[in-house]
């Protein structure tokens, strides 16, 4: 009985691990596909001579940066874009220059 329970637990753990691996591969594939689509969109916009419309909250972000409120600006960027802390810090620092 104990052996069967151990075997069933091991099988369940293997199934969970394999499922997690498959989900990770799918997420990576979708991320690469999204990056490719973003590049193509950028090329199309550049070819058409159009600029991507900027979120109106970016003017507020610039005002916060002008006041030296970098942390609040990063928080606002995260809210506006849904990015995480690391993803928001870089573009905010680029806007500071």
PDB file of N, CA and C in Angstrom:
ATOM      1  N   UNK A   1       0.819  -1.195   0.000  1.00  0.00           N
ATOM      2  CA  UNK A   1       0.000   0.000   0.000  1.00  0.00           C
ATOM      3  C   UNK A   1       0.863   1.260   0.000  1.00  0.00           C
ATOM      4  N   UNK A   2       1.886   1.257   0.863  1.00  0.00           N
ATOM      5  CA  UNK A   2       2.777   2.410   0.942  1.00  0.00           C
ATOM      6  C   UNK A   2       3.548   2.603  -0.366  1.00  0.00           C
ATOM      7  N   UNK A   3       3.938   1.512  -0.974  1.00  0.00           N
ATOM      8  CA  UNK A   3       4.658   1.556  -2.246  1.00  0.00           C
ATOM      9  C   UNK A   3       3.780   2.172  -3.336  1.00  0.00           C
ATOM     10  N   UNK A   4       2.522   1.820  -3.382  1.00  0.00           N
ATOM     11  CA  UNK A   4       1.597   2.351  -4.390  1.00  0.00           C
ATOM     12  C   UNK A   4       1.399   3.853  -4.197  1.00  0.00           C
ATOM     13  N   UNK A   5       1.316   4.273  -2.944  1.00  0.00           N
ATOM     14  CA  UNK A   5       1.153   5.701  -2.652  1.00  0.00           C
ATOM     15  C   UNK A   5       2.396   6.479  -3.076  1.00  0.00           C
ATOM     16  N   UNK A   6       3.559   5.920  -2.795  1.00  0.00           N
ATOM     17  CA  UNK A   6       4.819   6.557  -3.197  1.00  0.00           C
ATOM     18  C   UNK A   6       4.913   6.638  -4.715  1.00  0.00           C
ATOM     19  N   UNK A   7       4.535   5.575  -5.368  1.00  0.00           N
ATOM     20  CA  UNK A   7       4.564   5.534  -6.827  1.00  0.00           C
ATOM     21  C   UNK A   7       3.584   6.549  -7.422  1.00  0.00           C
ATOM     22  N   UNK A   8       2.386   6.631  -6.857  1.00  0.00           N
ATOM     23  CA  UNK A   8       1.393   7.596  -7.341  1.00  0.00           C
ATOM     24  C   UNK A   8       1.864   9.028  -7.114  1.00  0.00           C
ATOM     25  N   UNK A   9       2.484   9.289  -5.971  1.00  0.00           N
ATOM     26  CA  UNK A   9       3.015  10.619  -5.678  1.00  0.00           C
ATOM     27  C   UNK A   9       4.121  10.983  -6.659  1.00  0.00           C
ATOM     28  N   UNK A  10       5.010  10.038  -6.928  1.00  0.00           N
ATOM     29  CA  UNK A  10       6.101  10.277  -7.880  1.00  0.00           C
ATOM     30  C   UNK A  10       5.539  10.558  -9.270  1.00  0.00           C
ATOM     31  N   UNK A  11       4.529   9.805  -9.672  1.00  0.00           N
ATOM     32  CA  UNK A  11       3.920  10.017 -10.991  1.00  0.00           C
ATOM     33  C   UNK A  11       3.263  11.393 -11.065  1.00  0.00           C
ATOM     34  N   UNK A  12       2.613  11.787  -9.993  1.00  0.00           N
ATOM     35  CA  UNK A  12       1.977  13.099  -9.957  1.00  0.00           C
ATOM     36  C   UNK A  12       3.017  14.211 -10.043  1.00  0.00           C
ATOM     37  N   UNK A  13       4.105  14.080  -9.313  1.00  0.00           N
ATOM     38  CA  UNK A  13       5.170  15.088  -9.350  1.00  0.00           C
ATOM     39  C   UNK A  13       5.792  15.185 -10.742  1.00  0.00           C
ATOM     40  N   UNK A  14       5.985  14.067 -11.387  1.00  0.00           N
ATOM     41  CA  UNK A  14       6.538  14.066 -12.746  1.00  0.00           C
ATOM     42  C   UNK A  14       5.572  14.750 -13.701  1.00  0.00           C
ATOM     43  N   UNK A  15       4.288  14.467 -13.562  1.00  0.00           N
ATOM     44  CA  UNK A  15       3.287  15.090 -14.433  1.00  0.00           C
ATOM     45  C   UNK A  15       3.251  16.603 -14.227  1.00  0.00           C
ATOM     46  N   UNK A  16       3.328  17.054 -12.977  1.00  0.00           N
ATOM     47  CA  UNK A  16       3.333  18.498 -12.691  1.00  0.00           C
ATOM     48  C   UNK A  16       4.579  19.136 -13.282  1.00  0.00           C
ATOM     49  N   UNK A  17       5.733  18.487 -13.127  1.00  0.00           N
ATOM     50  CA  UNK A  17       6.983  19.014 -13.671  1.00  0.00           C
ATOM     51  C   UNK A  17       6.923  19.123 -15.190  1.00  0.00           C
ATOM     52  N   UNK A  18       6.443  18.086 -15.844  1.00  0.00           N
ATOM     53  CA  UNK A  18       6.356  18.113 -17.303  1.00  0.00           C
ATOM     54  C   UNK A  18       5.381  19.177 -17.782  1.00  0.00           C
ATOM     55  N   UNK A  19       4.284  19.354 -17.074  1.00  0.00           N
ATOM     56  CA  UNK A  19       3.314  20.382 -17.425  1.00  0.00           C
ATOM     57  C   UNK A  19       3.922  21.779 -17.278  1.00  0.00           C
ATOM     58  N   UNK A  20       4.687  21.981 -16.208  1.00  0.00           N
ATOM     59  CA  UNK A  20       5.343  23.276 -16.001  1.00  0.00           C
ATOM     60  C   UNK A  20       6.368  23.546 -17.098  1.00  0.00           C
ATOM     61  N   UNK A  21       7.101  22.525 -17.501  1.00  0.00           N
ATOM     62  CA  UNK A  21       8.088  22.681 -18.572  1.00  0.00           C
ATOM     63  C   UNK A  21       7.407  23.048 -19.889  1.00  0.00           C
ATOM     64  N   UNK A  22       6.295  22.397 -20.171  1.00  0.00           N
ATOM     65  CA  UNK A  22       5.566  22.685 -21.411  1.00  0.00           C
ATOM     66  C   UNK A  22       5.017  24.106 -21.395  1.00  0.00           C
ATOM     67  N   UNK A  23       4.507  24.543 -20.254  1.00  0.00           N
ATOM     68  CA  UNK A  23       3.988  25.908 -20.135  1.00  0.00           C
ATOM     69  C   UNK A  23       5.102  26.930 -20.303  1.00  0.00           C
ATOM     70  N   UNK A  24       6.285  26.629 -19.763  1.00  0.00           N
ATOM     71  CA  UNK A  24       7.423  27.533 -19.900  1.00  0.00           C
ATOM     72  C   UNK A  24       7.866  27.639 -21.359  1.00  0.00           C
ATOM     73  N   UNK A  25       7.910  26.515 -22.057  1.00  0.00           N
ATOM     74  CA  UNK A  25       8.285  26.541 -23.482  1.00  0.00           C
ATOM     75  C   UNK A  25       7.277  27.343 -24.290  1.00  0.00           C
ATOM     76  N   UNK A  26       6.002  27.169 -23.986  1.00  0.00           N
ATOM     77  CA  UNK A  26       4.967  27.904 -24.707  1.00  0.00           C
ATOM     78  C   UNK A  26       5.071  29.405 -24.428  1.00  0.00           C
ATOM     79  N   UNK A  27       5.332  29.770 -23.185  1.00  0.00           N
ATOM     80  CA  UNK A  27       5.469  31.185 -22.833  1.00  0.00           C
ATOM     81  C   UNK A  27       6.660  31.807 -23.559  1.00  0.00           C
ATOM     82  N   UNK A  28       7.761  31.092 -23.641  1.00  0.00           N
ATOM     83  CA  UNK A  28       8.943  31.602 -24.348  1.00  0.00           C
ATOM     84  C   UNK A  28       8.663  31.767 -25.839  1.00  0.00           C
ATOM     85  N   UNK A  29       7.965  30.788 -26.411  1.00  0.00           N
ATOM     86  CA  UNK A  29       7.628  30.861 -27.839  1.00  0.00           C
ATOM     87  C   UNK A  29       6.709  32.050 -28.108  1.00  0.00           C
ATOM     88  N   UNK A  30       5.720  32.253 -27.259  1.00  0.00           N
ATOM     89  CA  UNK A  30       4.804  33.377 -27.431  1.00  0.00           C
ATOM     90  C   UNK A  30       5.519  34.709 -27.237  1.00  0.00           C
ATOM     91  N   UNK A  31       6.467  34.748 -26.309  1.00  0.00           N
ATOM     92  CA  UNK A  31       7.239  35.974 -26.088  1.00  0.00           C
ATOM     93  C   UNK A  31       8.063  36.320 -27.327  1.00  0.00           C
ATOM     94  N   UNK A  32       8.713  35.317 -27.922  1.00  0.00           N
ATOM     95  CA  UNK A  32       9.487  35.566 -29.154  1.00  0.00           C
ATOM     96  C   UNK A  32       8.572  36.025 -30.284  1.00  0.00           C
ATOM     97  N   UNK A  33       7.407  35.423 -30.386  1.00  0.00           N
ATOM     98  CA  UNK A  33       6.464  35.809 -31.440  1.00  0.00           C
ATOM     99  C   UNK A  33       5.988  37.242 -31.232  1.00  0.00           C
ATOM    100  N   UNK A  34       5.694  37.604 -29.989  1.00  0.00           N
ATOM    101  CA  UNK A  34       5.268  38.964 -29.679  1.00  0.00           C
ATOM    102  C   UNK A  34       6.364  39.974 -30.006  1.00  0.00           C
ATOM    103  N   UNK A  35       7.609  39.639 -29.682  1.00  0.00           N
ATOM    104  CA  UNK A  35       8.717  40.538 -30.015  1.00  0.00           C
ATOM    105  C   UNK A  35       8.822  40.736 -31.520  1.00  0.00           C
ATOM    106  N   UNK A  36       8.641  39.683 -32.275  1.00  0.00           N
ATOM    107  CA  UNK A  36       8.678  39.790 -33.735  1.00  0.00           C
ATOM    108  C   UNK A  36       7.550  40.666 -34.256  1.00  0.00           C
ATOM    109  N   UNK A  37       6.366  40.497 -33.705  1.00  0.00           N
ATOM    110  CA  UNK A  37       5.236  41.332 -34.125  1.00  0.00           C
ATOM    111  C   UNK A  37       5.461  42.799 -33.767  1.00  0.00           C
ATOM    112  N   UNK A  38       6.055  43.046 -32.607  1.00  0.00           N
ATOM    113  CA  UNK A  38       6.352  44.430 -32.220  1.00  0.00           C
ATOM    114  C   UNK A  38       7.364  45.058 -33.181  1.00  0.00           C
ATOM    115  N   UNK A  39       8.387  44.292 -33.579  1.00  0.00           N
ATOM    116  CA  UNK A  39       9.365  44.812 -34.542  1.00  0.00           C
ATOM    117  C   UNK A  39       8.695  45.145 -35.869  1.00  0.00           C
ATOM    118  N   UNK A  40       7.826  44.247 -36.324  1.00  0.00           N
ATOM    119  CA  UNK A  40       7.131  44.485 -37.592  1.00  0.00           C
ATOM    120  C   UNK A  40       6.225  45.712 -37.501  1.00  0.00           C
ATOM    121  N   UNK A  41       5.534  45.860 -36.395  1.00  0.00           N
ATOM    122  CA  UNK A  41       4.672  47.025 -36.199  1.00  0.00           C
ATOM    123  C   UNK A  41       5.503  48.310 -36.217  1.00  0.00           C
ATOM    124  N   UNK A  42       6.645  48.281 -35.539  1.00  0.00           N
ATOM    125  CA  UNK A  42       7.523  49.454 -35.533  1.00  0.00           C
ATOM    126  C   UNK A  42       7.996  49.788 -36.943  1.00  0.00           C
ATOM    127  N   UNK A  43       8.344  48.769 -37.727  1.00  0.00           N
ATOM    128  CA  UNK A  43       8.775  48.998 -39.106  1.00  0.00           C
ATOM    129  C   UNK A  43       7.652  49.596 -39.955  1.00  0.00           C
ATOM    130  N   UNK A  44       6.443  49.063 -39.781  1.00  0.00           N
ATOM    131  CA  UNK A  44       5.303  49.591 -40.532  1.00  0.00           C
ATOM    132  C   UNK A  44       5.022  51.046 -40.163  1.00  0.00           C
ATOM    133  N   UNK A  45       5.074  51.356 -38.875  1.00  0.00           N
ATOM    134  CA  UNK A  45       4.854  52.740 -38.446  1.00  0.00           C
ATOM    135  C   UNK A  45       5.932  53.664 -39.020  1.00  0.00           C
ATOM    136  N   UNK A  46       7.177  53.222 -38.975  1.00  0.00           N
ATOM    137  CA  UNK A  46       8.267  54.038 -39.511  1.00  0.00           C
ATOM    138  C   UNK A  46       8.107  54.222 -41.017  1.00  0.00           C
ATOM    139  N   UNK A  47       7.746  53.170 -41.729  1.00  0.00           N
ATOM    140  CA  UNK A  47       7.568  53.252 -43.176  1.00  0.00           C
ATOM    141  C   UNK A  47       6.427  54.207 -43.535  1.00  0.00           C
ATOM    142  N   UNK A  48       5.382  54.194 -42.734  1.00  0.00           N
ATOM    143  CA  UNK A  48       4.241  55.075 -43.003  1.00  0.00           C
ATOM    144  C   UNK A  48       4.477  56.491 -42.495  1.00  0.00           C
ATOM    145  N   UNK A  49       5.600  56.694 -41.810  1.00  0.00           N
ATOM    146  CA  UNK A  49       5.894  58.022 -41.284  1.00  0.00           C
ATOM    147  C   UNK A  49       5.027  58.398 -40.096  1.00  0.00           C
ATOM    148  N   UNK A  50       4.574  57.388 -39.377  1.00  0.00           N
ATOM    149  CA  UNK A  50       3.709  57.628 -38.224  1.00  0.00           C
ATOM    150  C   UNK A  50       4.468  57.349 -36.941  1.00  0.00           C
ATOM    151  N   UNK A  51       4.047  58.024 -35.896  1.00  0.00           N
ATOM    152  CA  UNK A  51       4.617  57.760 -34.579  1.00  0.00           C
ATOM    153  C   UNK A  51       3.569  57.043 -33.746  1.00  0.00           C
ATOM    154  N   UNK A  52       4.031  56.177 -32.883  1.00  0.00           N
ATOM    155  CA  UNK A  52       3.113  55.483 -31.990  1.00  0.00           C
ATOM    156  C   UNK A  52       2.509  56.503 -31.034  1.00  0.00           C
ATOM    157  N   UNK A  53       1.203  56.506 -30.880  1.00  0.00           N
ATOM    158  CA  UNK A  53       0.594  57.485 -29.988  1.00  0.00           C
ATOM    159  C   UNK A  53       1.078  57.263 -28.557  1.00  0.00           C
ATOM    160  N   UNK A  54       1.408  58.352 -27.901  1.00  0.00           N
ATOM    161  CA  UNK A  54       1.928  58.263 -26.543  1.00  0.00           C
ATOM    162  C   UNK A  54       0.791  58.396 -25.540  1.00  0.00           C
ATOM    163  N   UNK A  55       0.868  57.621 -24.501  1.00  0.00           N
ATOM    164  CA  UNK A  55      -0.119  57.666 -23.429  1.00  0.00           C
ATOM    165  C   UNK A  55      -0.101  59.063 -22.811  1.00  0.00           C
ATOM    166  N   UNK A  56      -1.256  59.692 -22.605  1.00  0.00           N
ATOM    167  CA  UNK A  56      -1.293  61.033 -22.012  1.00  0.00           C
ATOM    168  C   UNK A  56      -0.659  61.093 -20.628  1.00  0.00           C
ATOM    169  N   UNK A  57      -0.581  59.947 -19.962  1.00  0.00           N
ATOM    170  CA  UNK A  57       0.039  59.941 -18.630  1.00  0.00           C
ATOM    171  C   UNK A  57       1.540  60.169 -18.693  1.00  0.00           C
ATOM    172  N   UNK A  58       2.132  60.038 -19.883  1.00  0.00           N
ATOM    173  CA  UNK A  58       3.567  60.269 -20.000  1.00  0.00           C
ATOM    174  C   UNK A  58       3.919  61.738 -19.782  1.00  0.00           C
ATOM    175  N   UNK A  59       2.984  62.648 -20.078  1.00  0.00           N
ATOM    176  CA  UNK A  59       3.223  64.070 -19.779  1.00  0.00           C
ATOM    177  C   UNK A  59       3.294  64.257 -18.265  1.00  0.00           C
ATOM    178  N   UNK A  60       2.437  63.556 -17.554  1.00  0.00           N
ATOM    179  CA  UNK A  60       2.478  63.604 -16.088  1.00  0.00           C
ATOM    180  C   UNK A  60       3.781  63.003 -15.582  1.00  0.00           C
ATOM    181  N   UNK A  61       4.231  61.931 -16.236  1.00  0.00           N
ATOM    182  CA  UNK A  61       5.495  61.308 -15.874  1.00  0.00           C
ATOM    183  C   UNK A  61       6.645  62.292 -16.060  1.00  0.00           C
ATOM    184  N   UNK A  62       6.640  63.013 -17.178  1.00  0.00           N
ATOM    185  CA  UNK A  62       7.690  64.011 -17.415  1.00  0.00           C
ATOM    186  C   UNK A  62       7.658  65.116 -16.366  1.00  0.00           C
ATOM    187  N   UNK A  63       6.448  65.500 -15.943  1.00  0.00           N
ATOM    188  CA  UNK A  63       6.331  66.521 -14.906  1.00  0.00           C
ATOM    189  C   UNK A  63       6.911  66.012 -13.584  1.00  0.00           C
ATOM    190  N   UNK A  64       6.659  64.756 -13.275  1.00  0.00           N
ATOM    191  CA  UNK A  64       7.235  64.182 -12.050  1.00  0.00           C
ATOM    192  C   UNK A  64       8.755  64.151 -12.128  1.00  0.00           C
ATOM    193  N   UNK A  65       9.287  63.804 -13.290  1.00  0.00           N
ATOM    194  CA  UNK A  65      10.744  63.787 -13.455  1.00  0.00           C
ATOM    195  C   UNK A  65      11.334  65.182 -13.325  1.00  0.00           C
ATOM    196  N   UNK A  66      10.637  66.185 -13.856  1.00  0.00           N
ATOM    197  CA  UNK A  66      11.111  67.567 -13.752  1.00  0.00           C
ATOM    198  C   UNK A  66      11.166  68.017 -12.290  1.00  0.00           C
ATOM    199  N   UNK A  67      10.301  67.427 -11.468  1.00  0.00           N
ATOM    200  CA  UNK A  67      10.282  67.764 -10.037  1.00  0.00           C
ATOM    201  C   UNK A  67      11.257  66.891  -9.241  1.00  0.00           C
ATOM    202  N   UNK A  68      11.953  65.986  -9.923  1.00  0.00           N
ATOM    203  CA  UNK A  68      12.900  65.104  -9.251  1.00  0.00           C
ATOM    204  C   UNK A  68      12.250  63.933  -8.545  1.00  0.00           C
ATOM    205  N   UNK A  69      11.045  63.583  -8.919  1.00  0.00           N
ATOM    206  CA  UNK A  69      10.303  62.499  -8.269  1.00  0.00           C
ATOM    207  C   UNK A  69      10.387  61.227  -9.115  1.00  0.00           C
ATOM    208  N   UNK A  70      11.577  60.673  -9.151  1.00  0.00           N
ATOM    209  CA  UNK A  70      11.839  59.507  -9.995  1.00  0.00           C
ATOM    210  C   UNK A  70      11.019  58.295  -9.564  1.00  0.00           C
ATOM    211  N   UNK A  71      10.915  58.045  -8.269  1.00  0.00           N
ATOM    212  CA  UNK A  71      10.192  56.864  -7.791  1.00  0.00           C
ATOM    213  C   UNK A  71       8.718  56.947  -8.166  1.00  0.00           C
ATOM    214  N   UNK A  72       8.109  58.126  -7.995  1.00  0.00           N
ATOM    215  CA  UNK A  72       6.708  58.289  -8.371  1.00  0.00           C
ATOM    216  C   UNK A  72       6.536  58.131  -9.883  1.00  0.00           C
ATOM    217  N   UNK A  73       7.540  58.604 -10.639  1.00  0.00           N
ATOM    218  CA  UNK A  73       7.485  58.471 -12.095  1.00  0.00           C
ATOM    219  C   UNK A  73       7.535  56.998 -12.499  1.00  0.00           C
ATOM    220  N   UNK A  74       8.371  56.216 -11.825  1.00  0.00           N
ATOM    221  CA  UNK A  74       8.450  54.782 -12.116  1.00  0.00           C
ATOM    222  C   UNK A  74       7.128  54.112 -11.773  1.00  0.00           C
ATOM    223  N   UNK A  75       6.534  54.486 -10.639  1.00  0.00           N
ATOM    224  CA  UNK A  75       5.225  53.919 -10.268  1.00  0.00           C
ATOM    225  C   UNK A  75       4.174  54.243 -11.327  1.00  0.00           C
ATOM    226  N   UNK A  76       4.168  55.486 -11.798  1.00  0.00           N
ATOM    227  CA  UNK A  76       3.207  55.884 -12.823  1.00  0.00           C
ATOM    228  C   UNK A  76       3.437  55.096 -14.114  1.00  0.00           C
ATOM    229  N   UNK A  77       4.697  54.923 -14.497  1.00  0.00           N
ATOM    230  CA  UNK A  77       5.014  54.157 -15.707  1.00  0.00           C
ATOM    231  C   UNK A  77       4.526  52.720 -15.568  1.00  0.00           C
ATOM    232  N   UNK A  78       4.713  52.139 -14.397  1.00  0.00           N
ATOM    233  CA  UNK A  78       4.257  50.767 -14.178  1.00  0.00           C
ATOM    234  C   UNK A  78       2.742  50.671 -14.316  1.00  0.00           C
ATOM    235  N   UNK A  79       2.029  51.651 -13.768  1.00  0.00           N
ATOM    236  CA  UNK A  79       0.570  51.656 -13.874  1.00  0.00           C
ATOM    237  C   UNK A  79       0.120  51.818 -15.329  1.00  0.00           C
ATOM    238  N   UNK A  80       0.809  52.703 -16.042  1.00  0.00           N
ATOM    239  CA  UNK A  80       0.416  53.004 -17.428  1.00  0.00           C
ATOM    240  C   UNK A  80       0.705  51.850 -18.376  1.00  0.00           C
ATOM    241  N   UNK A  81       1.790  51.128 -18.135  1.00  0.00           N
ATOM    242  CA  UNK A  81       2.215  50.104 -19.083  1.00  0.00           C
ATOM    243  C   UNK A  81       2.018  48.679 -18.599  1.00  0.00           C
ATOM    244  N   UNK A  82       1.822  48.499 -17.307  1.00  0.00           N
ATOM    245  CA  UNK A  82       1.706  47.154 -16.765  1.00  0.00           C
ATOM    246  C   UNK A  82       3.037  46.442 -16.644  1.00  0.00           C
ATOM    247  N   UNK A  83       4.123  47.190 -16.720  1.00  0.00           N
ATOM    248  CA  UNK A  83       5.451  46.585 -16.643  1.00  0.00           C
ATOM    249  C   UNK A  83       5.849  46.358 -15.194  1.00  0.00           C
ATOM    250  N   UNK A  84       6.877  45.519 -15.016  1.00  0.00           N
ATOM    251  CA  UNK A  84       7.375  45.318 -13.661  1.00  0.00           C
ATOM    252  C   UNK A  84       8.420  46.390 -13.350  1.00  0.00           C
ATOM    253  N   UNK A  85       8.975  46.326 -12.152  1.00  0.00           N
ATOM    254  CA  UNK A  85       9.888  47.375 -11.698  1.00  0.00           C
ATOM    255  C   UNK A  85      11.100  47.521 -12.610  1.00  0.00           C
ATOM    256  N   UNK A  86      11.712  46.411 -12.961  1.00  0.00           N
ATOM    257  CA  UNK A  86      12.915  46.450 -13.806  1.00  0.00           C
ATOM    258  C   UNK A  86      12.576  46.999 -15.192  1.00  0.00           C
ATOM    259  N   UNK A  87      11.439  46.560 -15.757  1.00  0.00           N
ATOM    260  CA  UNK A  87      11.046  47.010 -17.091  1.00  0.00           C
ATOM    261  C   UNK A  87      10.680  48.488 -17.100  1.00  0.00           C
ATOM    262  N   UNK A  88      10.207  49.030 -15.985  1.00  0.00           N
ATOM    263  CA  UNK A  88       9.796  50.435 -15.931  1.00  0.00           C
ATOM    264  C   UNK A  88      10.972  51.363 -15.655  1.00  0.00           C
ATOM    265  N   UNK A  89      11.954  50.884 -14.923  1.00  0.00           N
ATOM    266  CA  UNK A  89      13.073  51.744 -14.513  1.00  0.00           C
ATOM    267  C   UNK A  89      13.868  52.250 -15.716  1.00  0.00           C
ATOM    268  N   UNK A  90      14.159  51.379 -16.658  1.00  0.00           N
ATOM    269  CA  UNK A  90      15.000  51.761 -17.809  1.00  0.00           C
ATOM    270  C   UNK A  90      14.374  52.867 -18.657  1.00  0.00           C
ATOM    271  N   UNK A  91      13.116  52.739 -19.105  1.00  0.00           N
ATOM    272  CA  UNK A  91      12.563  53.824 -19.920  1.00  0.00           C
ATOM    273  C   UNK A  91      12.389  55.131 -19.157  1.00  0.00           C
ATOM    274  N   UNK A  92      12.119  55.045 -17.864  1.00  0.00           N
ATOM    275  CA  UNK A  92      11.999  56.281 -17.074  1.00  0.00           C
ATOM    276  C   UNK A  92      13.349  56.975 -17.008  1.00  0.00           C
ATOM    277  N   UNK A  93      14.405  56.205 -16.800  1.00  0.00           N
ATOM    278  CA  UNK A  93      15.745  56.808 -16.749  1.00  0.00           C
ATOM    279  C   UNK A  93      16.151  57.371 -18.110  1.00  0.00           C
ATOM    280  N   UNK A  94      15.693  56.732 -19.208  1.00  0.00           N
ATOM    281  CA  UNK A  94      15.974  57.284 -20.547  1.00  0.00           C
ATOM    282  C   UNK A  94      15.267  58.623 -20.728  1.00  0.00           C
ATOM    283  N   UNK A  95      14.049  58.747 -20.199  1.00  0.00           N
ATOM    284  CA  UNK A  95      13.307  60.012 -20.322  1.00  0.00           C
ATOM    285  C   UNK A  95      13.960  61.119 -19.498  1.00  0.00           C
ATOM    286  N   UNK A  96      14.722  60.744 -18.479  1.00  0.00           N
ATOM    287  CA  UNK A  96      15.370  61.746 -17.627  1.00  0.00           C
ATOM    288  C   UNK A  96      16.488  62.457 -18.370  1.00  0.00           C
ATOM    289  N   UNK A  97      17.057  61.816 -19.360  1.00  0.00           N
ATOM    290  CA  UNK A  97      18.228  62.390 -20.070  1.00  0.00           C
ATOM    291  C   UNK A  97      17.848  63.510 -20.977  1.00  0.00           C
TER     292      UNK A  97
END
